[in-house]
Amino acid sequence: MIFSKVKNSTYTKASNWYRQFGLPAGFLLLSFLLMILPLEGFISSVKAVLAYVFIPQVRAAHSVSQYAQGVSHTVQELLQAHQENAQLKQEIETAHLLSAQAQDIFAENARLTELLQLKTSFPWKGVWAKVAYREPTQWNTVVIDKGSAHGIQERSAVIAAQDGKEGLAGVVIEVTESTAKVLLVRDEDFSAAVRLESGDEGLLVGDGPRAVQIKYIPLLAQVKKGDKVYTSSSSSVFPAGILVGEVSAVHERDSFLTALTVQVAPLIRSSAVQEVFIILDKGAH
């Protein structure tokens, strides 16, 4: 019994001595060997494994390195996703642009087809022209891409098409060799002799942003809203029978008035004029 206690006491002391001196000494020896051994081949691999097992900083650095690799991979995926998203946005914008262009082309083709059908229906000799530009300070005038070289003269009547119908657009007021300026119906300086469906005649005058009017209609004329208005044969500029528009309002008859005034909604909108037909000889059929 006494021998067993002595044996246990001796084992305990040896164990304590090993913990206090043996392990630190072994760790120092191992560290020394790791420092002096060459960094090649198998020895290098062993050093790396031992360093990873016995040195906490190495394990921590390895964990940080793995985390950094994961973060780097995640960042790369995010950057790639961002690039793909930007590319998809660009493709969507391009698709929208192409769709808008296609719609414009379809609308242009429909309008040109309509004009092509009207070209053969006019009874007058003339020439087609496109609007080249509009003057910013004179919105009710346009400059077309044809001029005296194509037979256009001042005071030539101008027709345009809209909604499948041709109507009075204006009159030529200036001409160069390759261009001409057209005064549109709504301009304050525009005027034309016109005839209503009732057979009564009057003078059509523009009024800028306000309604176009017909003046000097007899007070007893039977004019009503919706009546069509045409150019009159008494006009020295415009051939008879060109549709101008329709009556939009009739002023109340006052006893002191000597003539009736009505408002007209022109068929051709000034802002929609793009191609025009210039009549070169109003008497030609």
C-alpha atoms as a PDB file:
ATOM      1  CA  MET A   1       0.000   0.000   0.000  1.00  0.00           C
ATOM      2  CA  ILE A   2       2.825   2.350   0.951  1.00  0.00           C
ATOM      3  CA  PHE A   3       4.669   1.363  -2.213  1.00  0.00           C
ATOM      4  CA  SER A   4       1.658   2.222  -4.340  1.00  0.00           C
ATOM      5  CA  LYS A   5       1.412   5.696  -2.817  1.00  0.00           C
ATOM      6  CA  VAL A   6       5.124   6.290  -3.371  1.00  0.00           C
ATOM      7  CA  LYS A   7       4.782   5.151  -6.970  1.00  0.00           C
ATOM      8  CA  ASN A   8       1.844   7.471  -7.617  1.00  0.00           C
ATOM      9  CA  SER A   9       3.681  10.394  -6.031  1.00  0.00           C
ATOM     10  CA  THR A  10       6.696   9.756  -8.219  1.00  0.00           C
ATOM     11  CA  TYR A  11       4.495   9.577 -11.369  1.00  0.00           C
ATOM     12  CA  THR A  12       2.805  12.806 -10.452  1.00  0.00           C
ATOM     13  CA  LYS A  13       6.096  14.607  -9.982  1.00  0.00           C
ATOM     14  CA  ALA A  14       7.404  13.259 -13.290  1.00  0.00           C
ATOM     15  CA  SER A  15       4.246  14.357 -15.030  1.00  0.00           C
ATOM     16  CA  ASN A  16       4.476  17.826 -13.560  1.00  0.00           C
ATOM     17  CA  TRP A  17       8.149  18.058 -14.481  1.00  0.00           C
ATOM     18  CA  TYR A  18       7.317  17.014 -18.037  1.00  0.00           C
ATOM     19  CA  ARG A  19       4.666  19.672 -18.321  1.00  0.00           C
ATOM     20  CA  GLN A  20       6.844  22.401 -16.836  1.00  0.00           C
ATOM     21  CA  PHE A  21      10.119  21.612 -18.552  1.00  0.00           C
ATOM     22  CA  GLY A  22       9.680  18.863 -21.109  1.00  0.00           C
ATOM     23  CA  LEU A  23       7.031  20.393 -23.301  1.00  0.00           C
ATOM     24  CA  PRO A  24       8.666  23.851 -23.484  1.00  0.00           C
ATOM     25  CA  ALA A  25      11.992  22.255 -24.200  1.00  0.00           C
ATOM     26  CA  GLY A  26      10.486  20.098 -26.903  1.00  0.00           C
ATOM     27  CA  PHE A  27       8.686  23.095 -28.401  1.00  0.00           C
ATOM     28  CA  LEU A  28      11.966  25.088 -28.396  1.00  0.00           C
ATOM     29  CA  LEU A  29      13.801  22.196 -30.010  1.00  0.00           C
ATOM     30  CA  LEU A  30      11.091  21.792 -32.620  1.00  0.00           C
ATOM     31  CA  SER A  31      11.141  25.531 -33.351  1.00  0.00           C
ATOM     32  CA  PHE A  32      14.948  25.415 -33.681  1.00  0.00           C
ATOM     33  CA  LEU A  33      14.724  22.512 -36.092  1.00  0.00           C
ATOM     34  CA  LEU A  34      12.093  24.317 -38.133  1.00  0.00           C
ATOM     35  CA  MET A  35      14.388  27.324 -38.448  1.00  0.00           C
ATOM     36  CA  ILE A  36      17.579  25.440 -39.409  1.00  0.00           C
ATOM     37  CA  LEU A  37      16.150  22.780 -41.712  1.00  0.00           C
ATOM     38  CA  PRO A  38      16.275  23.623 -45.466  1.00  0.00           C
ATOM     39  CA  LEU A  39      13.102  24.846 -47.282  1.00  0.00           C
ATOM     40  CA  GLU A  40      13.054  22.119 -49.913  1.00  0.00           C
ATOM     41  CA  GLY A  41      11.073  19.038 -50.767  1.00  0.00           C
ATOM     42  CA  PHE A  42       9.713  16.833 -48.052  1.00  0.00           C
ATOM     43  CA  ILE A  43      11.365  18.848 -45.258  1.00  0.00           C
ATOM     44  CA  SER A  44       9.483  21.954 -46.429  1.00  0.00           C
ATOM     45  CA  SER A  45       6.161  20.086 -46.347  1.00  0.00           C
ATOM     46  CA  VAL A  46       6.896  18.696 -42.862  1.00  0.00           C
ATOM     47  CA  LYS A  47       7.825  22.184 -41.634  1.00  0.00           C
ATOM     48  CA  ALA A  48       4.590  23.589 -42.998  1.00  0.00           C
ATOM     49  CA  VAL A  49       2.494  20.850 -41.318  1.00  0.00           C
ATOM     50  CA  LEU A  50       4.303  21.177 -37.971  1.00  0.00           C
ATOM     51  CA  ALA A  51       4.074  24.943 -38.066  1.00  0.00           C
ATOM     52  CA  TYR A  52       0.359  24.752 -38.801  1.00  0.00           C
ATOM     53  CA  VAL A  53      -0.198  22.236 -35.934  1.00  0.00           C
ATOM     54  CA  PHE A  54       1.945  23.841 -33.228  1.00  0.00           C
ATOM     55  CA  ILE A  55       1.883  27.560 -34.034  1.00  0.00           C
ATOM     56  CA  PRO A  56      -1.572  29.178 -33.500  1.00  0.00           C
ATOM     57  CA  GLN A  57      -0.676  32.228 -35.585  1.00  0.00           C
ATOM     58  CA  VAL A  58      -0.125  29.997 -38.610  1.00  0.00           C
ATOM     59  CA  ARG A  59      -3.565  28.440 -38.210  1.00  0.00           C
ATOM     60  CA  ALA A  60      -5.098  31.884 -37.785  1.00  0.00           C
ATOM     61  CA  ALA A  61      -3.305  33.163 -40.874  1.00  0.00           C
ATOM     62  CA  HIS A  62      -4.487  30.136 -42.819  1.00  0.00           C
ATOM     63  CA  SER A  63      -8.091  30.796 -41.744  1.00  0.00           C
ATOM     64  CA  VAL A  64      -7.770  34.456 -42.727  1.00  0.00           C
ATOM     65  CA  SER A  65      -6.281  33.423 -46.060  1.00  0.00           C
ATOM     66  CA  GLN A  66      -9.181  31.053 -46.737  1.00  0.00           C
ATOM     67  CA  TYR A  67     -11.671  33.759 -45.727  1.00  0.00           C
ATOM     68  CA  ALA A  68      -9.920  36.256 -47.996  1.00  0.00           C
ATOM     69  CA  GLN A  69     -10.058  33.784 -50.866  1.00  0.00           C
ATOM     70  CA  GLY A  70     -13.790  33.361 -50.267  1.00  0.00           C
ATOM     71  CA  VAL A  71     -14.319  37.117 -50.141  1.00  0.00           C
ATOM     72  CA  SER A  72     -12.285  37.569 -53.325  1.00  0.00           C
ATOM     73  CA  HIS A  73     -14.372  34.931 -55.095  1.00  0.00           C
ATOM     74  CA  THR A  74     -17.592  36.596 -53.890  1.00  0.00           C
ATOM     75  CA  VAL A  75     -16.373  40.016 -55.043  1.00  0.00           C
ATOM     76  CA  GLN A  76     -15.499  38.574 -58.445  1.00  0.00           C
ATOM     77  CA  GLU A  77     -18.988  37.063 -58.726  1.00  0.00           C
ATOM     78  CA  LEU A  78     -20.570  40.413 -57.760  1.00  0.00           C
ATOM     79  CA  LEU A  79     -18.456  42.279 -60.308  1.00  0.00           C
ATOM     80  CA  GLN A  80     -19.370  39.753 -62.980  1.00  0.00           C
ATOM     81  CA  ALA A  81     -23.066  40.038 -62.062  1.00  0.00           C
ATOM     82  CA  HIS A  82     -22.791  43.849 -62.221  1.00  0.00           C
ATOM     83  CA  GLN A  83     -21.186  43.664 -65.661  1.00  0.00           C
ATOM     84  CA  GLU A  84     -23.861  41.251 -66.892  1.00  0.00           C
ATOM     85  CA  ASN A  85     -26.590  43.509 -65.456  1.00  0.00           C
ATOM     86  CA  ALA A  86     -25.102  46.559 -67.218  1.00  0.00           C
ATOM     87  CA  GLN A  87     -24.875  44.588 -70.458  1.00  0.00           C
ATOM     88  CA  LEU A  88     -28.514  43.474 -70.140  1.00  0.00           C
ATOM     89  CA  LYS A  89     -29.606  47.074 -69.498  1.00  0.00           C
ATOM     90  CA  GLN A  90     -27.719  48.175 -72.606  1.00  0.00           C
ATOM     91  CA  GLU A  91     -29.349  45.404 -74.649  1.00  0.00           C
ATOM     92  CA  ILE A  92     -32.812  46.393 -73.340  1.00  0.00           C
ATOM     93  CA  GLU A  93     -32.197  50.052 -74.217  1.00  0.00           C
ATOM     94  CA  THR A  94     -30.996  49.014 -77.666  1.00  0.00           C
ATOM     95  CA  ALA A  95     -34.107  46.855 -78.124  1.00  0.00           C
ATOM     96  CA  HIS A  96     -36.363  49.762 -77.105  1.00  0.00           C
ATOM     97  CA  LEU A  97     -34.532  52.069 -79.521  1.00  0.00           C
ATOM     98  CA  LEU A  98     -34.870  49.568 -82.367  1.00  0.00           C
ATOM     99  CA  SER A  99     -38.555  49.117 -81.554  1.00  0.00           C
ATOM    100  CA  ALA A 100     -39.127  52.888 -81.636  1.00  0.00           C
ATOM    101  CA  GLN A 101     -37.216  53.163 -84.906  1.00  0.00           C
ATOM    102  CA  ALA A 102     -39.266  50.325 -86.386  1.00  0.00           C
ATOM    103  CA  GLN A 103     -42.503  52.044 -85.364  1.00  0.00           C
ATOM    104  CA  ASP A 104     -41.290  55.294 -86.924  1.00  0.00           C
ATOM    105  CA  ILE A 105     -40.400  53.427 -90.125  1.00  0.00           C
ATOM    106  CA  PHE A 106     -43.837  51.758 -90.243  1.00  0.00           C
ATOM    107  CA  ALA A 107     -45.535  55.134 -89.705  1.00  0.00           C
ATOM    108  CA  GLU A 108     -43.330  56.726 -92.374  1.00  0.00           C
ATOM    109  CA  ASN A 109     -44.090  53.911 -94.826  1.00  0.00           C
ATOM    110  CA  ALA A 110     -47.829  54.252 -94.189  1.00  0.00           C
ATOM    111  CA  ARG A 111     -47.666  58.000 -94.708  1.00  0.00           C
ATOM    112  CA  LEU A 112     -45.606  57.668 -97.907  1.00  0.00           C
ATOM    113  CA  THR A 113     -47.991  55.007 -99.216  1.00  0.00           C
ATOM    114  CA  GLU A 114     -50.859  57.384 -98.555  1.00  0.00           C
ATOM    115  CA  LEU A 115     -49.035  60.161-100.405  1.00  0.00           C
ATOM    116  CA  LEU A 116     -48.261  57.842-103.307  1.00  0.00           C
ATOM    117  CA  GLN A 117     -51.956  57.128-103.705  1.00  0.00           C
ATOM    118  CA  LEU A 118     -52.777  60.843-103.587  1.00  0.00           C
ATOM    119  CA  LYS A 119     -50.125  61.778-106.154  1.00  0.00           C
ATOM    120  CA  THR A 120     -52.169  60.233-108.934  1.00  0.00           C
ATOM    121  CA  SER A 121     -55.440  61.819-107.752  1.00  0.00           C
ATOM    122  CA  PHE A 122     -54.532  65.492-108.098  1.00  0.00           C
ATOM    123  CA  PRO A 123     -55.972  67.135-111.232  1.00  0.00           C
ATOM    124  CA  TRP A 124     -53.306  69.841-111.218  1.00  0.00           C
ATOM    125  CA  LYS A 125     -49.806  69.968-112.586  1.00  0.00           C
ATOM    126  CA  GLY A 126     -47.319  70.347-109.764  1.00  0.00           C
ATOM    127  CA  VAL A 127     -44.310  69.071-107.839  1.00  0.00           C
ATOM    128  CA  TRP A 128     -43.874  67.356-104.476  1.00  0.00           C
ATOM    129  CA  ALA A 129     -41.392  68.749-101.941  1.00  0.00           C
ATOM    130  CA  LYS A 130     -40.298  68.062 -98.373  1.00  0.00           C
ATOM    131  CA  VAL A 131     -40.151  70.519 -95.510  1.00  0.00           C
ATOM    132  CA  ALA A 132     -36.459  71.306 -95.018  1.00  0.00           C
ATOM    133  CA  TYR A 133     -36.807  73.352 -91.810  1.00  0.00           C
ATOM    134  CA  ARG A 134     -39.051  75.689 -89.867  1.00  0.00           C
ATOM    135  CA  GLU A 135     -38.173  79.195 -88.847  1.00  0.00           C
ATOM    136  CA  PRO A 136     -38.120  79.409 -85.019  1.00  0.00           C
ATOM    137  CA  THR A 137     -39.586  82.931 -84.948  1.00  0.00           C
ATOM    138  CA  GLN A 138     -42.233  82.158 -87.579  1.00  0.00           C
ATOM    139  CA  TRP A 139     -43.773  78.810 -86.727  1.00  0.00           C
ATOM    140  CA  ASN A 140     -46.518  79.221 -89.320  1.00  0.00           C
ATOM    141  CA  THR A 141     -43.999  79.248 -92.181  1.00  0.00           C
ATOM    142  CA  VAL A 142     -41.887  76.387 -93.545  1.00  0.00           C
ATOM    143  CA  VAL A 143     -39.020  76.199 -96.023  1.00  0.00           C
ATOM    144  CA  ILE A 144     -39.227  73.389 -98.588  1.00  0.00           C
ATOM    145  CA  ASP A 145     -36.425  71.709-100.562  1.00  0.00           C
ATOM    146  CA  LYS A 146     -37.642  72.755-104.045  1.00  0.00           C
ATOM    147  CA  GLY A 147     -37.443  76.148-105.739  1.00  0.00           C
ATOM    148  CA  SER A 148     -37.472  78.010-109.049  1.00  0.00           C
ATOM    149  CA  ALA A 149     -35.305  75.321-110.633  1.00  0.00           C
ATOM    150  CA  HIS A 150     -38.331  73.020-110.286  1.00  0.00           C
ATOM    151  CA  GLY A 151     -40.852  75.526-111.663  1.00  0.00           C
ATOM    152  CA  ILE A 152     -42.067  76.928-108.337  1.00  0.00           C
ATOM    153  CA  GLN A 153     -43.079  80.589-108.320  1.00  0.00           C
ATOM    154  CA  GLU A 154     -44.358  83.043-105.742  1.00  0.00           C
ATOM    155  CA  ARG A 155     -48.094  82.862-105.034  1.00  0.00           C
ATOM    156  CA  SER A 156     -48.167  79.163-105.929  1.00  0.00           C
ATOM    157  CA  ALA A 157     -50.844  77.246-104.046  1.00  0.00           C
ATOM    158  CA  VAL A 158     -49.612  74.552-101.646  1.00  0.00           C
ATOM    159  CA  ILE A 159     -51.492  71.365-100.717  1.00  0.00           C
ATOM    160  CA  ALA A 160     -50.688  68.712 -98.090  1.00  0.00           C
ATOM    161  CA  ALA A 161     -52.199  65.375 -97.067  1.00  0.00           C
ATOM    162  CA  GLN A 162     -53.500  64.318 -93.682  1.00  0.00           C
ATOM    163  CA  ASP A 163     -55.686  61.411 -92.563  1.00  0.00           C
ATOM    164  CA  GLY A 164     -55.963  60.206 -96.150  1.00  0.00           C
ATOM    165  CA  LYS A 165     -57.305  63.527 -97.421  1.00  0.00           C
ATOM    166  CA  GLU A 166     -55.665  66.390 -99.244  1.00  0.00           C
ATOM    167  CA  GLY A 167     -56.248  69.940 -98.083  1.00  0.00           C
ATOM    168  CA  LEU A 168     -55.035  73.488 -98.401  1.00  0.00           C
ATOM    169  CA  ALA A 169     -51.729  74.005 -96.585  1.00  0.00           C
ATOM    170  CA  GLY A 170     -50.657  77.502 -97.621  1.00  0.00           C
ATOM    171  CA  VAL A 171     -49.074  79.622-100.347  1.00  0.00           C
ATOM    172  CA  VAL A 172     -45.506  80.223-101.570  1.00  0.00           C
ATOM    173  CA  ILE A 173     -44.251  83.691-100.583  1.00  0.00           C
ATOM    174  CA  GLU A 174     -40.503  83.501-101.331  1.00  0.00           C
ATOM    175  CA  VAL A 175     -38.504  81.493-103.879  1.00  0.00           C
ATOM    176  CA  THR A 176     -34.821  80.765-104.457  1.00  0.00           C
ATOM    177  CA  GLU A 177     -33.337  78.420-107.000  1.00  0.00           C
ATOM    178  CA  SER A 178     -33.402  75.419-104.692  1.00  0.00           C
ATOM    179  CA  THR A 179     -35.809  76.384-101.873  1.00  0.00           C
ATOM    180  CA  ALA A 180     -39.113  78.134-101.274  1.00  0.00           C
ATOM    181  CA  LYS A 181     -40.857  79.574 -98.231  1.00  0.00           C
ATOM    182  CA  VAL A 182     -44.487  78.584 -97.623  1.00  0.00           C
ATOM    183  CA  LEU A 183     -46.921  80.672 -95.579  1.00  0.00           C
ATOM    184  CA  LEU A 184     -49.301  78.267 -93.823  1.00  0.00           C
ATOM    185  CA  VAL A 185     -53.057  78.752 -93.434  1.00  0.00           C
ATOM    186  CA  ARG A 186     -52.917  79.727 -89.757  1.00  0.00           C
ATOM    187  CA  ASP A 187     -50.524  82.631 -90.272  1.00  0.00           C
ATOM    188  CA  GLU A 188     -51.958  86.105 -89.633  1.00  0.00           C
ATOM    189  CA  ASP A 189     -50.866  87.233 -93.110  1.00  0.00           C
ATOM    190  CA  PHE A 190     -52.662  84.386 -94.900  1.00  0.00           C
ATOM    191  CA  SER A 191     -55.977  84.956 -96.719  1.00  0.00           C
ATOM    192  CA  ALA A 192     -57.986  83.118 -99.383  1.00  0.00           C
ATOM    193  CA  ALA A 193     -61.402  83.377-100.989  1.00  0.00           C
ATOM    194  CA  VAL A 194     -63.460  80.352 -99.887  1.00  0.00           C
ATOM    195  CA  ARG A 195     -66.878  78.806-100.393  1.00  0.00           C
ATOM    196  CA  LEU A 196     -69.049  77.034 -97.821  1.00  0.00           C
ATOM    197  CA  GLU A 197     -71.334  74.060 -98.401  1.00  0.00           C
ATOM    198  CA  SER A 198     -74.265  76.441 -98.336  1.00  0.00           C
ATOM    199  CA  GLY A 199     -72.840  78.107-101.449  1.00  0.00           C
ATOM    200  CA  ASP A 200     -72.010  81.345 -99.643  1.00  0.00           C
ATOM    201  CA  GLU A 201     -68.531  82.801-100.008  1.00  0.00           C
ATOM    202  CA  GLY A 202     -66.249  84.727 -97.685  1.00  0.00           C
ATOM    203  CA  LEU A 203     -62.633  85.569 -96.947  1.00  0.00           C
ATOM    204  CA  LEU A 204     -60.593  83.033 -94.976  1.00  0.00           C
ATOM    205  CA  VAL A 205     -57.969  84.688 -92.764  1.00  0.00           C
ATOM    206  CA  GLY A 206     -55.422  83.222 -90.375  1.00  0.00           C
ATOM    207  CA  ASP A 207     -55.075  84.452 -86.823  1.00  0.00           C
ATOM    208  CA  GLY A 208     -51.886  82.898 -85.490  1.00  0.00           C
ATOM    209  CA  PRO A 209     -52.574  80.757 -82.397  1.00  0.00           C
ATOM    210  CA  ARG A 210     -56.280  81.644 -82.455  1.00  0.00           C
ATOM    211  CA  ALA A 211     -58.967  80.126 -84.642  1.00  0.00           C
ATOM    212  CA  VAL A 212     -58.954  80.610 -88.415  1.00  0.00           C
ATOM    213  CA  GLN A 213     -61.954  82.688 -89.467  1.00  0.00           C
ATOM    214  CA  ILE A 214     -64.135  83.368 -92.488  1.00  0.00           C
ATOM    215  CA  LYS A 215     -65.312  86.955 -92.705  1.00  0.00           C
ATOM    216  CA  TYR A 216     -67.888  88.814 -94.795  1.00  0.00           C
ATOM    217  CA  ILE A 217     -70.436  85.977 -94.994  1.00  0.00           C
ATOM    218  CA  PRO A 218     -74.008  87.281 -95.584  1.00  0.00           C
ATOM    219  CA  LEU A 219     -76.013  87.492 -92.362  1.00  0.00           C
ATOM    220  CA  LEU A 220     -78.805  85.313 -93.750  1.00  0.00           C
ATOM    221  CA  ALA A 221     -76.439  82.523 -94.824  1.00  0.00           C
ATOM    222  CA  GLN A 222     -77.468  79.103 -93.503  1.00  0.00           C
ATOM    223  CA  VAL A 223     -74.128  78.124 -91.975  1.00  0.00           C
ATOM    224  CA  LYS A 224     -73.840  75.441 -89.326  1.00  0.00           C
ATOM    225  CA  LYS A 225     -71.085  73.697 -87.405  1.00  0.00           C
ATOM    226  CA  GLY A 226     -69.449  70.889 -89.384  1.00  0.00           C
ATOM    227  CA  ASP A 227     -69.994  72.441 -92.834  1.00  0.00           C
ATOM    228  CA  LYS A 228     -67.085  71.851 -95.205  1.00  0.00           C
ATOM    229  CA  VAL A 229     -65.086  74.807 -96.510  1.00  0.00           C
ATOM    230  CA  TYR A 230     -63.423  74.829 -99.968  1.00  0.00           C
ATOM    231  CA  THR A 231     -61.368  77.278-101.977  1.00  0.00           C
ATOM    232  CA  SER A 232     -63.488  79.453-104.258  1.00  0.00           C
ATOM    233  CA  SER A 233     -63.309  79.848-108.024  1.00  0.00           C
ATOM    234  CA  SER A 234     -63.110  83.600-107.470  1.00  0.00           C
ATOM    235  CA  SER A 235     -59.624  83.216-105.963  1.00  0.00           C
ATOM    236  CA  SER A 236     -56.746  84.509-108.080  1.00  0.00           C
ATOM    237  CA  VAL A 237     -54.259  82.173-106.381  1.00  0.00           C
ATOM    238  CA  PHE A 238     -55.953  78.918-105.455  1.00  0.00           C
ATOM    239  CA  PRO A 239     -57.794  76.514-107.737  1.00  0.00           C
ATOM    240  CA  ALA A 240     -61.443  75.970-106.836  1.00  0.00           C
ATOM    241  CA  GLY A 241     -62.491  72.932-104.802  1.00  0.00           C
ATOM    242  CA  ILE A 242     -59.492  72.428-102.469  1.00  0.00           C
ATOM    243  CA  LEU A 243     -60.747  71.349 -99.045  1.00  0.00           C
ATOM    244  CA  VAL A 244     -59.742  73.860 -96.370  1.00  0.00           C
ATOM    245  CA  GLY A 245     -61.483  72.414 -93.317  1.00  0.00           C
ATOM    246  CA  GLU A 246     -64.851  72.597 -91.608  1.00  0.00           C
ATOM    247  CA  VAL A 247     -66.820  75.136 -89.619  1.00  0.00           C
ATOM    248  CA  SER A 248     -66.074  74.780 -85.905  1.00  0.00           C
ATOM    249  CA  ALA A 249     -68.229  77.634 -84.552  1.00  0.00           C
ATOM    250  CA  VAL A 250     -70.697  80.271 -85.739  1.00  0.00           C
ATOM    251  CA  HIS A 251     -70.801  83.662 -84.032  1.00  0.00           C
ATOM    252  CA  GLU A 252     -74.169  84.804 -82.789  1.00  0.00           C
ATOM    253  CA  ARG A 253     -75.972  87.174 -85.139  1.00  0.00           C
ATOM    254  CA  ASP A 254     -76.141  90.727 -83.798  1.00  0.00           C
ATOM    255  CA  SER A 255     -78.473  93.315 -85.245  1.00  0.00           C
ATOM    256  CA  PHE A 256     -75.698  95.846 -85.763  1.00  0.00           C
ATOM    257  CA  LEU A 257     -73.508  93.441 -87.774  1.00  0.00           C
ATOM    258  CA  THR A 258     -73.518  93.658 -91.560  1.00  0.00           C
ATOM    259  CA  ALA A 259     -71.849  90.286 -92.129  1.00  0.00           C
ATOM    260  CA  LEU A 260     -71.407  86.942 -90.406  1.00  0.00           C
ATOM    261  CA  THR A 261     -68.103  85.552 -89.078  1.00  0.00           C
ATOM    262  CA  VAL A 262     -67.469  81.845 -88.528  1.00  0.00           C
ATOM    263  CA  GLN A 263     -64.540  79.893 -87.149  1.00  0.00           C
ATOM    264  CA  VAL A 264     -62.883  77.138 -89.179  1.00  0.00           C
ATOM    265  CA  ALA A 265     -60.825  74.118 -88.110  1.00  0.00           C
ATOM    266  CA  PRO A 266     -58.276  73.615 -90.928  1.00  0.00           C
ATOM    267  CA  LEU A 267     -57.847  70.087 -92.229  1.00  0.00           C
ATOM    268  CA  ILE A 268     -54.056  70.433 -92.339  1.00  0.00           C
ATOM    269  CA  ARG A 269     -52.391  71.080 -88.988  1.00  0.00           C
ATOM    270  CA  SER A 270     -49.419  73.416 -89.293  1.00  0.00           C
ATOM    271  CA  SER A 271     -47.269  71.278 -86.985  1.00  0.00           C
ATOM    272  CA  ALA A 272     -47.966  68.107 -89.040  1.00  0.00           C
ATOM    273  CA  VAL A 273     -46.837  69.433 -92.430  1.00  0.00           C
ATOM    274  CA  GLN A 274     -43.927  67.314 -93.733  1.00  0.00           C
ATOM    275  CA  GLU A 275     -44.483  66.887 -97.483  1.00  0.00           C
ATOM    276  CA  VAL A 276     -46.348  69.337 -99.683  1.00  0.00           C
ATOM    277  CA  PHE A 277     -47.622  69.507-103.250  1.00  0.00           C
ATOM    278  CA  ILE A 278     -47.017  72.818-105.013  1.00  0.00           C
ATOM    279  CA  ILE A 279     -49.456  73.575-107.836  1.00  0.00           C
ATOM    280  CA  LEU A 280     -47.515  74.972-110.791  1.00  0.00           C
ATOM    281  CA  ASP A 281     -50.484  75.746-113.043  1.00  0.00           C
ATOM    282  CA  LYS A 282     -53.888  75.957-111.351  1.00  0.00           C
ATOM    283  CA  GLY A 283     -55.662  75.868-114.707  1.00  0.00           C
ATOM    284  CA  ALA A 284     -53.988  72.611-115.812  1.00  0.00           C
ATOM    285  CA  HIS A 285     -56.048  69.424-115.559  1.00  0.00           C
END
